Amino acid sequence: MAAQRILVIEDEAGAREALKSLLDEEGYTVATAESGLRGLERVSDFRPDTVVCDFYLPDIDG
């Protein structure tokens, strides 16, 4: 079975990379985005099974 694909949308680089690292270690395929608008773009090209999104983003809210 293929690994679940998770998109992490978080504007704080440290939190974004920490969550990506944790999910990678658990065997998930992870992509990240640093803004809400970039996250919307990544949904189209990455096709995630799950999105983990910060509620307070500078460009658009989660």
Protein backbone atom coordinates (compact mmCIF):
# COMPACT_ATOMS: atom_id res chain seq x y z
CA MET A 1 0.00 0.00 0.00
CA ALA A 2 1.31 3.46 -0.89
CA ALA A 3 2.18 5.90 1.87
CA GLN A 4 -0.50 8.43 2.73
CA ARG A 5 0.21 11.86 1.29
CA ILE A 6 0.04 14.78 3.73
CA LEU A 7 0.31 18.48 2.91
CA VAL A 8 1.46 20.72 5.77
CA ILE A 9 0.58 24.42 5.39
CA GLU A 10 2.41 26.50 8.02
CA ASP A 11 4.01 29.94 7.77
CA GLU A 12 6.50 29.40 10.63
CA ALA A 13 9.47 27.59 9.09
CA GLY A 14 10.56 25.84 12.29
CA ALA A 15 7.12 24.39 12.99
CA ARG A 16 6.65 23.43 9.34
CA GLU A 17 9.96 21.57 9.14
CA ALA A 18 9.51 19.89 12.55
CA LEU A 19 6.09 18.54 11.56
CA LYS A 20 7.42 17.41 8.17
CA SER A 21 10.31 15.59 9.84
CA LEU A 22 8.01 13.85 12.32
CA LEU A 23 5.60 12.73 9.60
CA ASP A 24 8.47 11.58 7.35
CA GLU A 25 9.78 9.41 10.20
CA GLU A 26 6.34 7.81 10.52
CA GLY A 27 6.42 6.82 6.84
CA TYR A 28 4.14 9.45 5.33
CA THR A 29 4.86 11.23 2.05
CA VAL A 30 4.91 14.90 3.03
CA ALA A 31 4.85 18.16 1.09
CA THR A 32 4.90 21.61 2.65
CA ALA A 33 3.70 25.10 1.83
CA GLU A 34 4.63 28.35 3.54
CA SER A 35 1.39 30.22 2.82
CA GLY A 36 -2.27 29.60 2.20
CA LEU A 37 -2.03 30.56 -1.45
CA ARG A 38 0.96 28.27 -1.99
CA GLY A 39 -0.97 25.54 -0.16
CA LEU A 40 -3.83 25.84 -2.63
CA GLU A 41 -1.36 25.45 -5.49
CA ARG A 42 0.22 22.40 -3.83
CA VAL A 43 -3.19 20.71 -3.43
CA SER A 44 -3.50 20.69 -7.22
CA ASP A 45 -0.06 19.26 -7.97
CA PHE A 46 0.59 17.07 -4.89
CA ARG A 47 -2.96 15.65 -4.50
CA PRO A 48 -2.76 15.00 -0.72
CA ASP A 49 -4.93 12.57 1.23
CA THR A 50 -4.81 14.90 4.24
CA VAL A 51 -4.06 18.60 4.76
CA VAL A 52 -2.72 19.94 8.07
CA CYS A 53 -3.21 23.69 8.00
CA ASP A 54 -2.36 26.57 10.33
CA PHE A 55 -5.49 28.61 11.08
CA TYR A 56 -3.72 31.98 11.12
CA LEU A 57 -1.84 32.53 7.88
CA PRO A 58 -0.76 35.99 6.67
CA ASP A 59 -2.38 35.78 3.22
CA ILE A 60 -5.51 33.69 3.78
CA ASP A 61 -6.83 31.91 6.86
CA GLY A 62 -6.87 28.12 7.17
